[in-house]
């Protein structure tokens, strides 16, 4: 691996890959990171195609349960 690892990179990876991509709400991530403003956490939010697909699948499942 040729990437220089930093505290910032680790924090960003935690916020995006580990939590957000596993369905943790942005509000919870904000608390985990110790942010007082949600807008600060939004910097870490990185909406990717897999995340959008996952969210749509969850929505579809909820809609099917309500039928």
PDB file of N, CA and C in Angstrom:
ATOM      1  N   UNK A   1       0.839  -1.162   0.000  1.00  0.00           N
ATOM      2  CA  UNK A   1       0.000   0.000   0.000  1.00  0.00           C
ATOM      3  C   UNK A   1       0.895   1.240   0.000  1.00  0.00           C
ATOM      4  N   UNK A   2       0.634   2.138  -0.913  1.00  0.00           N
ATOM      5  CA  UNK A   2       1.495   3.307  -1.054  1.00  0.00           C
ATOM      6  C   UNK A   2       0.815   4.592  -0.602  1.00  0.00           C
ATOM      7  N   UNK A   3      -0.238   4.473   0.185  1.00  0.00           N
ATOM      8  CA  UNK A   3      -0.957   5.647   0.672  1.00  0.00           C
ATOM      9  C   UNK A   3      -0.416   6.024   2.041  1.00  0.00           C
ATOM     10  N   UNK A   4      -0.152   7.312   2.231  1.00  0.00           N
ATOM     11  CA  UNK A   4       0.328   7.802   3.521  1.00  0.00           C
ATOM     12  C   UNK A   4      -0.847   7.832   4.487  1.00  0.00           C
ATOM     13  N   UNK A   5      -0.799   7.055   5.553  1.00  0.00           N
ATOM     14  CA  UNK A   5      -1.888   6.985   6.511  1.00  0.00           C
ATOM     15  C   UNK A   5      -1.774   8.106   7.536  1.00  0.00           C
ATOM     16  N   UNK A   6      -2.885   8.788   7.726  1.00  0.00           N
ATOM     17  CA  UNK A   6      -2.940   9.887   8.684  1.00  0.00           C
ATOM     18  C   UNK A   6      -4.160   9.712   9.579  1.00  0.00           C
ATOM     19  N   UNK A   7      -4.208  10.463  10.661  1.00  0.00           N
ATOM     20  CA  UNK A   7      -5.363  10.452  11.539  1.00  0.00           C
ATOM     21  C   UNK A   7      -6.605  10.886  10.764  1.00  0.00           C
ATOM     22  N   UNK A   8      -6.464  11.910   9.924  1.00  0.00           N
ATOM     23  CA  UNK A   8      -7.598  12.409   9.141  1.00  0.00           C
ATOM     24  C   UNK A   8      -8.126  11.324   8.210  1.00  0.00           C
ATOM     25  N   UNK A   9      -7.252  10.610   7.546  1.00  0.00           N
ATOM     26  CA  UNK A   9      -7.666   9.547   6.633  1.00  0.00           C
ATOM     27  C   UNK A   9      -8.401   8.441   7.401  1.00  0.00           C
ATOM     28  N   UNK A  10      -7.893   8.074   8.569  1.00  0.00           N
ATOM     29  CA  UNK A  10      -8.543   7.045   9.379  1.00  0.00           C
ATOM     30  C   UNK A  10      -9.929   7.510   9.831  1.00  0.00           C
ATOM     31  N   UNK A  11     -10.037   8.739  10.230  1.00  0.00           N
ATOM     32  CA  UNK A  11     -11.319   9.299  10.685  1.00  0.00           C
ATOM     33  C   UNK A  11     -12.315   9.352   9.532  1.00  0.00           C
ATOM     34  N   UNK A  12     -11.859   9.759   8.373  1.00  0.00           N
ATOM     35  CA  UNK A  12     -12.716   9.823   7.191  1.00  0.00           C
ATOM     36  C   UNK A  12     -13.182   8.420   6.795  1.00  0.00           C
ATOM     37  N   UNK A  13     -12.277   7.456   6.830  1.00  0.00           N
ATOM     38  CA  UNK A  13     -12.621   6.074   6.498  1.00  0.00           C
ATOM     39  C   UNK A  13     -13.655   5.535   7.475  1.00  0.00           C
ATOM     40  N   UNK A  14     -13.465   5.803   8.754  1.00  0.00           N
ATOM     41  CA  UNK A  14     -14.443   5.372   9.755  1.00  0.00           C
ATOM     42  C   UNK A  14     -15.807   5.974   9.458  1.00  0.00           C
ATOM     43  N   UNK A  15     -15.837   7.278   9.197  1.00  0.00           N
ATOM     44  CA  UNK A  15     -17.103   7.975   8.988  1.00  0.00           C
ATOM     45  C   UNK A  15     -17.816   7.524   7.721  1.00  0.00           C
ATOM     46  N   UNK A  16     -17.080   7.233   6.682  1.00  0.00           N
ATOM     47  CA  UNK A  16     -17.719   6.898   5.409  1.00  0.00           C
ATOM     48  C   UNK A  16     -17.865   5.388   5.220  1.00  0.00           C
ATOM     49  N   UNK A  17     -16.769   4.688   5.178  1.00  0.00           N
ATOM     50  CA  UNK A  17     -16.785   3.266   4.841  1.00  0.00           C
ATOM     51  C   UNK A  17     -17.337   2.398   5.956  1.00  0.00           C
ATOM     52  N   UNK A  18     -16.904   2.629   7.166  1.00  0.00           N
ATOM     53  CA  UNK A  18     -17.288   1.745   8.266  1.00  0.00           C
ATOM     54  C   UNK A  18     -18.706   2.037   8.758  1.00  0.00           C
ATOM     55  N   UNK A  19     -19.044   3.288   8.944  1.00  0.00           N
ATOM     56  CA  UNK A  19     -20.357   3.591   9.522  1.00  0.00           C
ATOM     57  C   UNK A  19     -21.414   3.894   8.467  1.00  0.00           C
ATOM     58  N   UNK A  20     -21.195   4.898   7.657  1.00  0.00           N
ATOM     59  CA  UNK A  20     -22.205   5.322   6.687  1.00  0.00           C
ATOM     60  C   UNK A  20     -22.581   4.197   5.731  1.00  0.00           C
ATOM     61  N   UNK A  21     -21.611   3.496   5.206  1.00  0.00           N
ATOM     62  CA  UNK A  21     -21.886   2.420   4.254  1.00  0.00           C
ATOM     63  C   UNK A  21     -22.517   1.193   4.912  1.00  0.00           C
ATOM     64  N   UNK A  22     -22.550   1.181   6.231  1.00  0.00           N
ATOM     65  CA  UNK A  22     -23.206   0.082   6.946  1.00  0.00           C
ATOM     66  C   UNK A  22     -24.520   0.523   7.572  1.00  0.00           C
ATOM     67  N   UNK A  23     -25.049   1.633   7.079  1.00  0.00           N
ATOM     68  CA  UNK A  23     -26.385   2.050   7.452  1.00  0.00           C
ATOM     69  C   UNK A  23     -26.516   2.846   8.735  1.00  0.00           C
ATOM     70  N   UNK A  24     -25.400   3.298   9.290  1.00  0.00           N
ATOM     71  CA  UNK A  24     -25.482   4.106  10.509  1.00  0.00           C
ATOM     72  C   UNK A  24     -25.955   5.510  10.122  1.00  0.00           C
ATOM     73  N   UNK A  25     -26.992   6.025  10.777  1.00  0.00           N
ATOM     74  CA  UNK A  25     -27.491   7.362  10.438  1.00  0.00           C
ATOM     75  C   UNK A  25     -26.427   8.439  10.669  1.00  0.00           C
ATOM     76  N   UNK A  26     -26.464   9.462   9.833  1.00  0.00           N
ATOM     77  CA  UNK A  26     -25.478  10.543   9.893  1.00  0.00           C
ATOM     78  C   UNK A  26     -25.501  11.235  11.258  1.00  0.00           C
ATOM     79  N   UNK A  27     -26.678  11.279  11.904  1.00  0.00           N
ATOM     80  CA  UNK A  27     -26.776  11.896  13.225  1.00  0.00           C
ATOM     81  C   UNK A  27     -25.963  11.116  14.264  1.00  0.00           C
ATOM     82  N   UNK A  28     -26.004   9.796  14.171  1.00  0.00           N
ATOM     83  CA  UNK A  28     -25.229   8.954  15.087  1.00  0.00           C
ATOM     84  C   UNK A  28     -23.732   9.092  14.826  1.00  0.00           C
ATOM     85  N   UNK A  29     -23.372   9.157  13.555  1.00  0.00           N
ATOM     86  CA  UNK A  29     -21.967   9.329  13.194  1.00  0.00           C
ATOM     87  C   UNK A  29     -21.456  10.646  13.761  1.00  0.00           C
ATOM     88  N   UNK A  30     -22.272  11.679  13.676  1.00  0.00           N
ATOM     89  CA  UNK A  30     -21.903  12.987  14.202  1.00  0.00           C
ATOM     90  C   UNK A  30     -21.574  12.907  15.691  1.00  0.00           C
ATOM     91  N   UNK A  31     -22.424  12.190  16.434  1.00  0.00           N
ATOM     92  CA  UNK A  31     -22.183  12.027  17.875  1.00  0.00           C
ATOM     93  C   UNK A  31     -20.903  11.233  18.123  1.00  0.00           C
ATOM     94  N   UNK A  32     -20.691  10.159  17.344  1.00  0.00           N
ATOM     95  CA  UNK A  32     -19.487   9.330  17.501  1.00  0.00           C
ATOM     96  C   UNK A  32     -18.216  10.134  17.274  1.00  0.00           C
ATOM     97  N   UNK A  33     -18.281  11.061  16.323  1.00  0.00           N
ATOM     98  CA  UNK A  33     -17.115  11.874  15.998  1.00  0.00           C
ATOM     99  C   UNK A  33     -16.953  13.070  16.930  1.00  0.00           C
ATOM    100  N   UNK A  34     -17.958  13.302  17.786  1.00  0.00           N
ATOM    101  CA  UNK A  34     -17.879  14.396  18.739  1.00  0.00           C
ATOM    102  C   UNK A  34     -18.199  15.755  18.151  1.00  0.00           C
ATOM    103  N   UNK A  35     -18.921  15.773  17.032  1.00  0.00           N
ATOM    104  CA  UNK A  35     -19.288  17.043  16.412  1.00  0.00           C
ATOM    105  C   UNK A  35     -20.494  17.650  17.129  1.00  0.00           C
ATOM    106  N   UNK A  36     -20.503  18.955  17.272  1.00  0.00           N
ATOM    107  CA  UNK A  36     -21.650  19.635  17.865  1.00  0.00           C
ATOM    108  C   UNK A  36     -22.656  20.051  16.798  1.00  0.00           C
ATOM    109  N   UNK A  37     -22.192  20.184  15.562  1.00  0.00           N
ATOM    110  CA  UNK A  37     -23.070  20.565  14.458  1.00  0.00           C
ATOM    111  C   UNK A  37     -23.098  19.449  13.424  1.00  0.00           C
ATOM    112  N   UNK A  38     -24.290  19.110  12.962  1.00  0.00           N
ATOM    113  CA  UNK A  38     -24.440  18.079  11.940  1.00  0.00           C
ATOM    114  C   UNK A  38     -23.747  18.495  10.641  1.00  0.00           C
ATOM    115  N   UNK A  39     -23.715  19.781  10.366  1.00  0.00           N
ATOM    116  CA  UNK A  39     -23.087  20.278   9.136  1.00  0.00           C
ATOM    117  C   UNK A  39     -21.594  19.924   9.085  1.00  0.00           C
ATOM    118  N   UNK A  40     -20.964  19.831  10.240  1.00  0.00           N
ATOM    119  CA  UNK A  40     -19.551  19.431  10.282  1.00  0.00           C
ATOM    120  C   UNK A  40     -19.399  17.995   9.820  1.00  0.00           C
ATOM    121  N   UNK A  41     -20.304  17.134  10.237  1.00  0.00           N
ATOM    122  CA  UNK A  41     -20.248  15.723   9.863  1.00  0.00           C
ATOM    123  C   UNK A  41     -20.541  15.531   8.384  1.00  0.00           C
ATOM    124  N   UNK A  42     -21.362  16.405   7.824  1.00  0.00           N
ATOM    125  CA  UNK A  42     -21.730  16.277   6.413  1.00  0.00           C
ATOM    126  C   UNK A  42     -20.507  16.327   5.499  1.00  0.00           C
ATOM    127  N   UNK A  43     -19.408  16.893   5.992  1.00  0.00           N
ATOM    128  CA  UNK A  43     -18.163  16.911   5.216  1.00  0.00           C
ATOM    129  C   UNK A  43     -17.707  15.484   4.937  1.00  0.00           C
ATOM    130  N   UNK A  44     -17.916  14.604   5.913  1.00  0.00           N
ATOM    131  CA  UNK A  44     -17.495  13.216   5.776  1.00  0.00           C
ATOM    132  C   UNK A  44     -18.447  12.377   4.943  1.00  0.00           C
ATOM    133  N   UNK A  45     -19.661  12.874   4.782  1.00  0.00           N
ATOM    134  CA  UNK A  45     -20.658  12.101   4.052  1.00  0.00           C
ATOM    135  C   UNK A  45     -20.287  12.021   2.577  1.00  0.00           C
ATOM    136  N   UNK A  46     -20.210  10.820   2.131  1.00  0.00           N
ATOM    137  CA  UNK A  46     -19.832  10.576   0.744  1.00  0.00           C
ATOM    138  C   UNK A  46     -20.859   9.601   0.186  1.00  0.00           C
ATOM    139  N   UNK A  47     -21.827  10.140  -0.530  1.00  0.00           N
ATOM    140  CA  UNK A  47     -22.873   9.289  -1.065  1.00  0.00           C
ATOM    141  C   UNK A  47     -22.346   8.602  -2.313  1.00  0.00           C
ATOM    142  N   UNK A  48     -22.342   7.296  -2.248  1.00  0.00           N
ATOM    143  CA  UNK A  48     -21.857   6.504  -3.374  1.00  0.00           C
ATOM    144  C   UNK A  48     -22.995   5.680  -3.938  1.00  0.00           C
ATOM    145  N   UNK A  49     -22.812   5.148  -5.113  1.00  0.00           N
ATOM    146  CA  UNK A  49     -23.836   4.337  -5.758  1.00  0.00           C
ATOM    147  C   UNK A  49     -24.244   3.140  -4.905  1.00  0.00           C
ATOM    148  N   UNK A  50     -23.304   2.413  -4.293  1.00  0.00           N
ATOM    149  CA  UNK A  50     -23.736   1.298  -3.435  1.00  0.00           C
ATOM    150  C   UNK A  50     -24.598   1.755  -2.262  1.00  0.00           C
ATOM    151  N   UNK A  51     -24.304   2.916  -1.687  1.00  0.00           N
ATOM    152  CA  UNK A  51     -25.091   3.448  -0.577  1.00  0.00           C
ATOM    153  C   UNK A  51     -26.495   3.794  -1.041  1.00  0.00           C
ATOM    154  N   UNK A  52     -26.620   4.417  -2.191  1.00  0.00           N
ATOM    155  CA  UNK A  52     -27.930   4.767  -2.735  1.00  0.00           C
ATOM    156  C   UNK A  52     -28.731   3.487  -3.002  1.00  0.00           C
ATOM    157  N   UNK A  53     -28.099   2.486  -3.587  1.00  0.00           N
ATOM    158  CA  UNK A  53     -28.777   1.219  -3.872  1.00  0.00           C
ATOM    159  C   UNK A  53     -29.236   0.547  -2.582  1.00  0.00           C
ATOM    160  N   UNK A  54     -28.405   0.575  -1.550  1.00  0.00           N
ATOM    161  CA  UNK A  54     -28.752  -0.020  -0.266  1.00  0.00           C
ATOM    162  C   UNK A  54     -29.950   0.707   0.344  1.00  0.00           C
ATOM    163  N   UNK A  55     -29.946   2.032   0.309  1.00  0.00           N
ATOM    164  CA  UNK A  55     -31.048   2.814   0.862  1.00  0.00           C
ATOM    165  C   UNK A  55     -32.348   2.557   0.097  1.00  0.00           C
ATOM    166  N   UNK A  56     -32.256   2.429  -1.200  1.00  0.00           N
ATOM    167  CA  UNK A  56     -33.452   2.148  -1.997  1.00  0.00           C
ATOM    168  C   UNK A  56     -34.001   0.758  -1.692  1.00  0.00           C
ATOM    169  N   UNK A  57     -33.130  -0.215  -1.470  1.00  0.00           N
ATOM    170  CA  UNK A  57     -33.570  -1.570  -1.120  1.00  0.00           C
ATOM    171  C   UNK A  57     -34.282  -1.570   0.227  1.00  0.00           C
ATOM    172  N   UNK A  58     -33.770  -0.812   1.184  1.00  0.00           N
ATOM    173  CA  UNK A  58     -34.413  -0.703   2.498  1.00  0.00           C
ATOM    174  C   UNK A  58     -35.789  -0.062   2.350  1.00  0.00           C
ATOM    175  N   UNK A  59     -35.864   0.988   1.553  1.00  0.00           N
ATOM    176  CA  UNK A  59     -37.146   1.657   1.324  1.00  0.00           C
ATOM    177  C   UNK A  59     -38.143   0.699   0.676  1.00  0.00           C
ATOM    178  N   UNK A  60     -37.709  -0.047  -0.322  1.00  0.00           N
ATOM    179  CA  UNK A  60     -38.584  -0.997  -1.005  1.00  0.00           C
ATOM    180  C   UNK A  60     -39.092  -2.059  -0.035  1.00  0.00           C
ATOM    181  N   UNK A  61     -38.214  -2.545   0.824  1.00  0.00           N
ATOM    182  CA  UNK A  61     -38.607  -3.551   1.805  1.00  0.00           C
ATOM    183  C   UNK A  61     -39.670  -2.994   2.753  1.00  0.00           C
ATOM    184  N   UNK A  62     -39.489  -1.763   3.213  1.00  0.00           N
ATOM    185  CA  UNK A  62     -40.455  -1.142   4.122  1.00  0.00           C
ATOM    186  C   UNK A  62     -41.805  -0.944   3.427  1.00  0.00           C
ATOM    187  N   UNK A  63     -41.766  -0.562   2.168  1.00  0.00           N
ATOM    188  CA  UNK A  63     -43.008  -0.363   1.428  1.00  0.00           C
ATOM    189  C   UNK A  63     -43.732  -1.691   1.224  1.00  0.00           C
ATOM    190  N   UNK A  64     -42.985  -2.760   0.968  1.00  0.00           N
ATOM    191  CA  UNK A  64     -43.593  -4.085   0.789  1.00  0.00           C
ATOM    192  C   UNK A  64     -44.223  -4.579   2.087  1.00  0.00           C
ATOM    193  N   UNK A  65     -43.605  -4.250   3.222  1.00  0.00           N
ATOM    194  CA  UNK A  65     -44.145  -4.661   4.520  1.00  0.00           C
ATOM    195  C   UNK A  65     -45.463  -3.961   4.811  1.00  0.00           C
ATOM    196  N   UNK A  66     -45.640  -2.764   4.280  1.00  0.00           N
ATOM    197  CA  UNK A  66     -46.852  -1.977   4.550  1.00  0.00           C
ATOM    198  C   UNK A  66     -48.016  -2.336   3.637  1.00  0.00           C
ATOM    199  N   UNK A  67     -47.790  -3.194   2.664  1.00  0.00           N
ATOM    200  CA  UNK A  67     -48.863  -3.558   1.721  1.00  0.00           C
ATOM    201  C   UNK A  67     -49.815  -4.553   2.307  1.00  0.00           C
TER     202      UNK A  67
END
